[in-house]
Amino acid sequence: MMKTLTGWGRTDPSTAQIYQPRSLEQIQSVLAAAEPASLIVRGLGRSYGNPAQCAEGTVFELTGFDHIQLDAATGYATCGAGASLDEVLRVSVPAGFFLPVTPGTRNVTIGGAIAADVHGKNHHGEGSFASHVQWLKLVDGSGQLRQLSPSDPATAEAFWATAGGMGLTGVIVEACFRLIPISSSMISVDTTRFRDLDALMAAMVEADARTRYSVAWVDSLNLAGRGVLTCGDHAQAAEVGGVDPLHYDPKALAGAPSLLPGGLLNTWTVRAFNEAWYRKAPKQREGELQAISPYFHPLDGVSNWNRIYGPAGFLQYQFAVPDTAAHLVRTTLEALRQIGAPSFLTVLKRFGPGNPGPLSFPMPGWTLAADVSAAVPGLFALLDQLDEKVAEAGGRLYLAKDSRQSATMLERSYPRLHEWRQQRALLDPRGVFSSDLAQRVKL
């Protein structure tokens, strides 16, 4: 069927033929007849821009590839690419295991988590999702099923081109990855409020060596850059008590209205929200037990929350920069504030060493993510200017969140792009795989 698609930001719609293959043979059959630049795979549509769209082409949805096999003896999970992190958690947590890495939503497929090489609150210590993948199975552009492993010299380069490759090297159909053993489904969380950005960032650097998970919310409208830092780790069963310390049953508590006025989110409403959010956080609290969902996936508690930005949609500006360019965090917040682009969801995290993926986003240093309404006047011109500063500092933008960077910016900020293109040419010699993102940035 033909369907008009957007990313989670609800911008840049395009129409494609949706196909839901139920077998490997069906994937290979469609590939054999595919024209160049006519096909991409889509997971649950949580990339903010358009990497899972292919205008006038074919979009695969791998809903039939959703099997999950957990090996409790080894701590490995083998999953179909269409299985979601939510589905994996529902199987693994009651069995005493947790995902090695989880982004801010559990509504991401395994294939999408690898294609975007997602990161989480533990990157400073444990890297991104692909760093925990043992092997994956890929149907390449010629229809050949390949098993790729980072530990196999014969396939390692192809593996790392696929991890972070945004679906442009082939169709991931299955993967095996490590899990983290846990004895409870609760997180022991330390929360601290900071009155200014410098103190917050200093505390985050100090937390790198002592905490597994850390993330900061920043008040984007506050001149001092105040914020709230939460650090955590998996609580032990003895700390939790109760009949079932591994109980896990997340639910969406509410839904956003389908139609909201475009001006609902403005400087005044966001300022009021930020004030309330900052005040509700304790100045200092240690060892608070929180469930997995409120700590890792708070916005999943509101279904379709992306609608609150109104019909114009929104974008997320997320960059990574080395420690030497930490000043760009404040520069970006001040610039967005000056043009009246308020963000109530502004997240700051620390990154540790990156992995060998030439298109993998994380690098040692900082990452700031700010959600902003796409209707703000002057926003795109400002972001072009900020792009320049990020590139000059040796930083980059996250392809899974991007909806507007230029091909020139991509070339400047991913210095190993040529390596990725070489591997892509080997995996997809006919150039079958493409996307609206790939066309825009000339991947």
Protein backbone atom coordinates (compact mmCIF):
# COMPACT_ATOMS: atom_id res chain seq x y z
CA MET A 1 0.00 0.00 0.00
CA MET A 2 1.05 3.60 -0.56
CA LYS A 3 1.53 5.66 2.58
CA THR A 4 2.74 9.14 3.48
CA LEU A 5 5.48 8.97 6.11
CA THR A 6 7.29 11.38 8.40
CA GLY A 7 9.84 10.96 11.15
CA TRP A 8 9.02 11.51 14.81
CA GLY A 9 9.41 15.25 14.30
CA ARG A 10 6.47 15.22 11.86
CA THR A 11 8.26 17.27 9.20
CA ASP A 12 9.21 16.60 5.55
CA PRO A 13 6.55 14.03 4.59
CA SER A 14 7.02 11.77 1.57
CA THR A 15 5.02 8.92 0.07
CA ALA A 16 6.25 5.37 -0.51
CA GLN A 17 5.04 1.84 -1.10
CA ILE A 18 4.96 -0.02 2.23
CA TYR A 19 5.88 -3.69 2.11
CA GLN A 20 5.93 -6.07 5.07
CA PRO A 21 7.96 -9.15 4.11
CA ARG A 22 7.34 -12.29 6.14
CA SER A 23 10.35 -14.30 5.00
CA LEU A 24 13.91 -13.96 3.83
CA GLU A 25 12.83 -15.11 0.38
CA GLN A 26 10.32 -12.26 0.09
CA ILE A 27 13.04 -9.72 0.94
CA GLN A 28 15.34 -11.22 -1.66
CA SER A 29 12.59 -11.25 -4.29
CA VAL A 30 11.85 -7.55 -3.87
CA LEU A 31 15.56 -6.74 -3.90
CA ALA A 32 16.09 -8.61 -7.15
CA ALA A 33 13.56 -6.39 -8.90
CA ALA A 34 14.47 -3.14 -7.15
CA GLU A 35 15.75 -0.15 -9.07
CA PRO A 36 18.67 1.98 -7.80
CA ALA A 37 17.93 4.28 -4.87
CA SER A 38 14.46 2.84 -4.36
CA LEU A 39 14.41 1.03 -1.00
CA ILE A 40 14.93 1.58 2.72
CA VAL A 41 13.93 -0.24 5.93
CA ARG A 42 11.78 1.41 8.60
CA GLY A 43 11.44 0.38 12.22
CA LEU A 44 9.02 2.19 14.55
CA GLY A 45 9.56 5.65 13.07
CA ARG A 46 11.36 7.18 16.06
CA SER A 47 14.16 8.82 14.07
CA TYR A 48 13.28 12.50 14.17
CA GLY A 49 14.02 13.34 10.54
CA ASN A 50 13.69 11.31 7.35
CA PRO A 51 16.22 8.41 7.36
CA ALA A 52 13.38 5.86 7.21
CA GLN A 53 11.60 7.42 4.23
CA CYS A 54 12.16 6.79 0.52
CA ALA A 55 10.09 9.14 -1.63
CA GLU A 56 8.25 7.24 -4.41
CA GLY A 57 10.20 4.08 -3.51
CA THR A 58 9.63 1.07 -1.27
CA VAL A 59 9.83 1.00 2.52
CA PHE A 60 10.25 -2.35 4.28
CA GLU A 61 8.59 -2.81 7.65
CA LEU A 62 9.98 -5.94 9.31
CA THR A 63 7.09 -6.56 11.68
CA GLY A 64 7.25 -10.27 10.88
CA PHE A 65 10.88 -10.53 12.01
CA ASP A 66 10.17 -10.13 15.72
CA HIS A 67 11.38 -13.34 17.34
CA ILE A 68 13.29 -13.13 20.65
CA GLN A 69 15.46 -15.89 22.05
CA LEU A 70 17.15 -15.38 25.41
CA ASP A 71 20.00 -17.61 26.56
CA ALA A 72 19.99 -17.19 30.33
CA ALA A 73 23.14 -19.30 30.70
CA THR A 74 25.27 -16.98 28.58
CA GLY A 75 23.38 -13.68 28.85
CA TYR A 76 22.95 -13.34 25.09
CA ALA A 77 19.79 -12.43 23.21
CA THR A 78 19.17 -13.36 19.57
CA CYS A 79 16.42 -11.26 18.06
CA GLY A 80 14.74 -10.50 14.78
CA ALA A 81 15.41 -7.00 13.51
CA GLY A 82 11.73 -6.08 13.87
CA ALA A 83 11.59 -6.88 17.59
CA SER A 84 11.41 -3.71 19.70
CA LEU A 85 13.48 -2.85 22.74
CA ASP A 86 10.18 -2.81 24.62
CA GLU A 87 9.51 -6.42 23.64
CA VAL A 88 13.06 -7.45 24.56
CA LEU A 89 12.73 -5.81 27.98
CA ARG A 90 9.44 -7.61 28.66
CA VAL A 91 11.26 -10.91 28.13
CA SER A 92 14.67 -10.12 29.58
CA VAL A 93 13.90 -8.14 32.76
CA PRO A 94 11.79 -10.85 34.45
CA ALA A 95 14.60 -13.28 33.57
CA GLY A 96 17.19 -11.06 35.28
CA PHE A 97 18.71 -9.21 32.34
CA PHE A 98 18.71 -5.65 30.99
CA LEU A 99 19.65 -4.09 27.67
CA PRO A 100 23.34 -3.21 27.35
CA VAL A 101 22.34 0.22 26.04
CA THR A 102 18.96 1.89 25.80
CA PRO A 103 18.13 5.27 24.23
CA GLY A 104 15.45 7.58 25.61
CA THR A 105 12.63 5.47 24.18
CA ARG A 106 12.02 1.74 24.27
CA ASN A 107 9.99 2.03 21.04
CA VAL A 108 12.95 1.29 18.79
CA THR A 109 13.56 -1.93 16.86
CA ILE A 110 16.73 -3.99 17.17
CA GLY A 111 17.50 -3.27 13.52
CA GLY A 112 17.01 0.45 14.13
CA ALA A 113 19.15 0.39 17.26
CA ILE A 114 22.03 -1.05 15.24
CA ALA A 115 21.48 1.07 12.11
CA ALA A 116 21.53 4.24 14.22
CA ASP A 117 24.04 2.81 16.72
CA VAL A 118 21.97 4.23 19.55
CA HIS A 119 23.54 5.48 22.76
CA GLY A 120 22.23 5.94 26.28
CA LYS A 121 23.02 7.24 29.73
CA ASN A 122 25.96 4.83 30.09
CA HIS A 123 28.02 5.69 27.02
CA HIS A 124 30.85 7.16 29.10
CA GLY A 125 31.49 3.68 30.49
CA GLU A 126 29.90 1.13 28.16
CA GLY A 127 29.71 2.64 24.69
CA SER A 128 26.87 2.46 22.20
CA PHE A 129 24.58 -0.40 21.23
CA ALA A 130 26.73 -1.81 18.41
CA SER A 131 29.64 -2.29 20.81
CA HIS A 132 27.63 -5.11 22.43
CA VAL A 133 26.51 -6.87 19.24
CA GLN A 134 28.18 -10.24 18.64
CA TRP A 135 26.94 -10.70 15.10
CA LEU A 136 24.19 -9.61 12.75
CA LYS A 137 22.64 -11.07 9.62
CA LEU A 138 22.32 -8.72 6.66
CA VAL A 139 20.68 -9.12 3.28
CA ASP A 140 22.93 -7.01 1.07
CA GLY A 141 22.04 -5.14 -2.12
CA SER A 142 22.63 -8.26 -4.21
CA GLY A 143 20.20 -10.30 -2.13
CA GLN A 144 22.94 -12.29 -0.41
CA LEU A 145 22.49 -13.17 3.26
CA ARG A 146 25.69 -12.34 5.13
CA GLN A 147 26.64 -12.88 8.76
CA LEU A 148 28.79 -10.00 9.96
CA SER A 149 30.78 -9.93 13.19
CA PRO A 150 33.10 -7.29 14.64
CA SER A 151 35.39 -10.10 15.83
CA ASP A 152 35.79 -11.65 12.37
CA PRO A 153 38.52 -9.88 10.33
CA ALA A 154 36.78 -10.91 7.12
CA THR A 155 33.52 -9.13 8.01
CA ALA A 156 34.48 -6.53 10.62
CA GLU A 157 34.61 -3.58 8.19
CA ALA A 158 31.22 -4.48 6.75
CA PHE A 159 29.82 -4.84 10.28
CA TRP A 160 31.01 -1.38 11.32
CA ALA A 161 29.73 0.18 8.09
CA THR A 162 26.31 -1.29 8.91
CA ALA A 163 26.39 -0.22 12.57
CA GLY A 164 25.51 3.46 12.34
CA GLY A 165 24.99 3.16 8.57
CA MET A 166 21.33 4.23 8.76
CA GLY A 167 20.06 1.21 6.83
CA LEU A 168 22.03 2.04 3.68
CA THR A 169 24.16 -1.12 3.52
CA GLY A 170 21.32 -3.65 3.45
CA VAL A 171 18.46 -5.19 5.43
CA ILE A 172 19.39 -6.30 8.95
CA VAL A 173 17.21 -9.33 9.68
CA GLU A 174 18.66 -10.71 12.94
CA ALA A 175 21.25 -9.91 15.59
CA CYS A 176 22.82 -11.39 18.70
CA PHE A 177 23.91 -9.11 21.54
CA ARG A 178 25.03 -9.19 25.17
CA LEU A 179 22.69 -8.37 28.03
CA ILE A 180 23.45 -6.99 31.50
CA PRO A 181 22.61 -9.28 34.45
CA ILE A 182 20.39 -7.61 37.07
CA SER A 183 18.78 -8.79 40.30
CA SER A 184 15.95 -6.23 40.35
CA SER A 185 13.95 -4.09 37.95
CA MET A 186 14.60 -0.93 39.98
CA ILE A 187 17.22 1.76 39.55
CA SER A 188 18.96 3.38 42.52
CA VAL A 189 19.06 7.06 41.57
CA ASP A 190 20.97 10.04 42.98
CA THR A 191 19.51 13.44 42.07
CA THR A 192 21.23 16.82 42.46
CA ARG A 193 20.09 20.31 41.49
CA PHE A 194 22.60 22.85 40.21
CA ARG A 195 22.10 26.59 39.93
CA ASP A 196 24.42 27.11 36.97
CA LEU A 197 25.74 25.24 33.96
CA ASP A 198 29.43 25.33 34.94
CA ALA A 199 28.79 23.57 38.25
CA LEU A 200 26.52 21.05 36.54
CA MET A 201 29.09 20.16 33.87
CA ALA A 202 31.89 19.89 36.43
CA ALA A 203 29.79 17.42 38.42
CA MET A 204 29.08 15.40 35.29
CA VAL A 205 32.80 15.04 34.54
CA GLU A 206 33.40 13.90 38.10
CA ALA A 207 30.55 11.37 37.83
CA ASP A 208 32.13 9.63 34.82
CA ALA A 209 34.36 7.49 37.03
CA ARG A 210 31.82 6.52 39.68
CA THR A 211 28.41 6.01 38.11
CA ARG A 212 27.03 3.71 35.46
CA TYR A 213 24.25 5.97 34.22
CA SER A 214 24.14 9.75 34.18
CA VAL A 215 22.10 12.40 32.40
CA ALA A 216 21.30 16.05 32.99
CA TRP A 217 18.23 18.10 32.18
CA VAL A 218 19.07 21.75 31.49
CA ASP A 219 16.72 24.72 31.80
CA SER A 220 17.15 26.19 28.33
CA LEU A 221 15.56 29.51 29.30
CA ASN A 222 17.55 30.15 32.46
CA LEU A 223 20.42 32.62 31.99
CA ALA A 224 22.69 30.71 34.37
CA GLY A 225 21.92 27.39 32.74
CA ARG A 226 20.63 25.67 35.86
CA GLY A 227 19.89 21.98 35.67
CA VAL A 228 19.24 18.65 37.35
CA LEU A 229 21.69 15.74 37.27
CA THR A 230 20.51 12.18 37.84
CA CYS A 231 22.98 9.33 38.27
CA GLY A 232 22.02 5.72 38.78
CA ASP A 233 22.72 2.01 38.70
CA HIS A 234 20.68 -1.16 38.96
CA ALA A 235 19.47 -1.73 42.51
CA GLN A 236 20.13 -5.05 44.20
CA ALA A 237 17.19 -7.32 45.05
CA ALA A 238 17.85 -6.84 48.76
CA GLU A 239 17.34 -3.08 48.37
CA VAL A 240 13.98 -3.55 46.68
CA GLY A 241 12.32 -6.22 48.74
CA GLY A 242 8.80 -7.31 47.88
CA VAL A 243 7.53 -10.52 46.33
CA ASP A 244 8.94 -10.01 42.84
CA PRO A 245 11.99 -7.73 42.59
CA LEU A 246 12.09 -8.30 38.81
CA HIS A 247 8.52 -7.17 38.14
CA TYR A 248 8.29 -5.16 34.92
CA ASP A 249 5.08 -3.83 33.35
CA PRO A 250 5.47 -0.39 31.72
CA LYS A 251 2.42 1.44 30.45
CA ALA A 252 1.67 4.61 28.56
CA LEU A 253 -0.31 6.70 31.03
CA ALA A 254 -1.84 9.27 28.70
CA GLY A 255 -1.98 10.39 25.10
CA ALA A 256 -1.38 13.79 23.57
CA PRO A 257 -4.32 15.27 21.66
CA SER A 258 -4.11 14.76 17.90
CA LEU A 259 -4.67 18.45 17.19
CA LEU A 260 -2.94 21.18 19.17
CA PRO A 261 -2.55 24.88 18.36
CA GLY A 262 0.87 25.76 16.96
CA GLY A 263 1.50 28.39 19.63
CA LEU A 264 0.87 26.16 22.63
CA LEU A 265 4.60 25.75 23.23
CA ASN A 266 6.08 29.21 23.54
CA THR A 267 8.58 31.00 25.75
CA TRP A 268 6.01 31.56 28.51
CA THR A 269 4.62 28.03 28.69
CA VAL A 270 8.06 26.45 28.47
CA ARG A 271 9.38 28.83 31.14
CA ALA A 272 6.54 27.78 33.46
CA PHE A 273 7.20 24.10 32.76
CA ASN A 274 10.94 24.47 33.33
CA GLU A 275 10.40 26.28 36.59
CA ALA A 276 8.10 23.54 37.84
CA TRP A 277 10.44 20.78 36.64
CA TYR A 278 13.45 22.35 38.35
CA ARG A 279 11.60 22.98 41.62
CA LYS A 280 10.15 19.48 41.86
CA ALA A 281 13.66 17.95 41.77
CA PRO A 282 15.27 17.67 45.20
CA LYS A 283 18.37 19.70 45.91
CA GLN A 284 20.11 16.47 46.89
CA ARG A 285 18.70 12.97 47.17
CA GLU A 286 20.56 9.66 47.14
CA GLY A 287 19.45 6.10 46.57
CA GLU A 288 15.88 6.78 45.46
CA LEU A 289 14.39 3.67 43.86
CA GLN A 290 12.86 4.34 40.46
CA ALA A 291 11.32 1.92 37.98
CA ILE A 292 13.05 1.37 34.64
CA SER A 293 10.54 3.32 32.56
CA PRO A 294 10.49 6.62 34.53
CA TYR A 295 14.29 6.68 34.64
CA PHE A 296 15.19 5.55 31.12
CA HIS A 297 12.06 6.26 29.08
CA PRO A 298 10.06 9.03 30.76
CA LEU A 299 8.39 10.34 27.60
CA ASP A 300 7.13 6.88 26.68
CA GLY A 301 4.65 7.47 29.48
CA VAL A 302 2.79 9.87 27.16
CA SER A 303 1.84 8.25 23.87
CA ASN A 304 2.27 10.43 20.76
CA TRP A 305 3.92 13.21 22.77
CA ASN A 306 5.38 14.59 19.53
CA ARG A 307 1.97 16.13 18.82
CA ILE A 308 2.44 18.81 21.47
CA TYR A 309 4.51 20.84 18.99
CA GLY A 310 1.48 21.42 16.80
CA PRO A 311 1.04 20.96 13.05
CA ALA A 312 4.44 22.45 12.11
CA GLY A 313 6.26 19.63 13.90
CA PHE A 314 9.63 19.92 15.59
CA LEU A 315 13.26 19.00 15.24
CA GLN A 316 15.96 17.91 17.60
CA TYR A 317 19.34 19.56 17.35
CA GLN A 318 21.87 17.11 18.76
CA PHE A 319 25.61 17.49 18.44
CA ALA A 320 28.67 15.83 19.92
CA VAL A 321 31.85 17.80 20.58
CA PRO A 322 35.14 17.01 22.31
CA ASP A 323 35.88 18.29 25.81
CA THR A 324 37.91 21.13 24.29
CA ALA A 325 34.69 22.54 22.83
CA ALA A 326 32.56 22.27 25.98
CA HIS A 327 31.78 26.00 25.62
CA LEU A 328 29.49 25.18 22.68
CA VAL A 329 26.93 23.81 25.12
CA ARG A 330 26.39 27.27 26.59
CA THR A 331 26.76 28.96 23.20
CA THR A 332 23.96 26.84 21.74
CA LEU A 333 21.61 27.36 24.67
CA GLU A 334 22.13 31.11 24.56
CA ALA A 335 21.64 31.27 20.79
CA LEU A 336 18.35 29.35 20.91
CA ARG A 337 17.13 31.52 23.76
CA GLN A 338 17.95 34.73 21.86
CA ILE A 339 15.80 33.83 18.84
CA GLY A 340 12.90 32.67 21.01
CA ALA A 341 13.30 28.95 20.42
CA PRO A 342 12.42 27.46 23.82
CA SER A 343 13.11 23.80 24.51
CA PHE A 344 11.50 22.03 27.43
CA LEU A 345 13.36 18.83 26.55
CA THR A 346 17.03 19.76 26.72
CA VAL A 347 19.35 16.90 27.62
CA LEU A 348 23.09 16.91 28.29
CA LYS A 349 25.17 13.74 28.46
CA ARG A 350 28.78 12.62 28.60
CA PHE A 351 30.33 10.43 25.91
CA GLY A 352 33.23 8.05 26.29
CA PRO A 353 35.39 6.62 23.49
CA GLY A 354 33.68 5.97 20.18
CA ASN A 355 33.72 2.66 18.30
CA PRO A 356 35.16 1.75 14.88
CA GLY A 357 31.98 2.67 12.97
CA PRO A 358 32.81 5.41 10.45
CA LEU A 359 29.28 6.85 10.76
CA SER A 360 28.82 6.18 14.47
CA PHE A 361 27.92 9.42 16.22
CA PRO A 362 29.49 9.38 19.73
CA MET A 363 32.96 10.73 20.44
CA PRO A 364 34.68 11.43 23.78
CA GLY A 365 33.22 14.61 25.25
CA TRP A 366 29.74 16.15 25.34
CA THR A 367 26.42 15.74 23.60
CA LEU A 368 23.58 18.24 23.86
CA ALA A 369 20.10 17.54 22.50
CA ALA A 370 17.40 20.22 22.30
CA ASP A 371 13.87 19.78 20.90
CA VAL A 372 12.59 22.91 19.18
CA SER A 373 9.44 23.74 17.24
CA ALA A 374 10.15 23.85 13.50
CA ALA A 375 7.97 26.97 13.23
CA VAL A 376 10.39 29.30 15.09
CA PRO A 377 11.41 32.17 12.77
CA GLY A 378 15.11 32.21 11.98
CA LEU A 379 15.73 28.75 13.45
CA PHE A 380 17.24 27.12 10.38
CA ALA A 381 19.61 30.01 9.68
CA LEU A 382 20.79 29.92 13.30
CA LEU A 383 21.35 26.16 13.20
CA ASP A 384 23.46 26.57 10.06
CA GLN A 385 25.66 28.98 12.03
CA LEU A 386 25.88 26.56 14.95
CA ASP A 387 26.76 23.75 12.54
CA GLU A 388 29.78 25.77 11.49
CA LYS A 389 30.96 26.09 15.08
CA VAL A 390 30.43 22.38 15.73
CA ALA A 391 32.38 21.41 12.62
CA GLU A 392 35.22 23.81 13.42
CA ALA A 393 35.50 22.21 16.88
CA GLY A 394 35.75 18.70 15.43
CA GLY A 395 32.18 17.77 16.35
CA ARG A 396 29.25 16.30 14.43
CA LEU A 397 25.46 15.95 14.31
CA TYR A 398 23.51 12.75 14.95
CA LEU A 399 22.05 11.34 11.73
CA ALA A 400 19.20 9.63 13.58
CA LYS A 401 18.01 13.00 14.89
CA ASP A 402 18.98 15.23 11.97
CA SER A 403 16.38 16.75 9.66
CA ARG A 404 18.22 19.67 8.06
CA GLN A 405 22.04 19.50 7.96
CA SER A 406 23.75 19.98 4.60
CA ALA A 407 25.89 17.55 2.61
CA THR A 408 28.84 19.88 3.22
CA MET A 409 28.37 19.69 6.98
CA LEU A 410 28.31 15.89 6.81
CA GLU A 411 31.51 15.77 4.77
CA ARG A 412 33.29 18.05 7.22
CA SER A 413 32.16 16.37 10.40
CA TYR A 414 32.51 12.66 9.55
CA PRO A 415 36.15 12.40 8.43
CA ARG A 416 35.90 8.65 7.71
CA LEU A 417 32.95 9.03 5.36
CA HIS A 418 35.05 7.79 2.43
CA GLU A 419 35.70 4.51 4.27
CA TRP A 420 31.99 4.00 4.77
CA ARG A 421 31.26 4.71 1.10
CA GLN A 422 33.80 2.10 0.05
CA GLN A 423 32.13 -0.55 2.19
CA ARG A 424 28.68 0.50 1.07
CA ALA A 425 29.72 0.08 -2.57
CA LEU A 426 30.81 -3.48 -1.81
CA LEU A 427 27.62 -4.33 0.08
CA ASP A 428 25.23 -2.60 -2.33
CA PRO A 429 26.95 -2.43 -5.73
CA ARG A 430 23.69 -1.56 -7.54
CA GLY A 431 22.90 1.30 -5.16
CA VAL A 432 19.49 -0.09 -4.28
CA PHE A 433 19.30 1.34 -0.76
CA SER A 434 18.59 5.02 -0.29
CA SER A 435 16.45 7.34 1.83
CA ASP A 436 15.27 10.92 1.91
CA LEU A 437 18.09 11.60 4.38
CA ALA A 438 20.65 9.97 2.08
CA GLN A 439 19.48 12.08 -0.85
CA ARG A 440 19.65 15.29 1.18
CA VAL A 441 23.16 14.81 2.58
CA LYS A 442 24.46 12.83 -0.43
CA LEU A 443 25.37 9.70 1.50
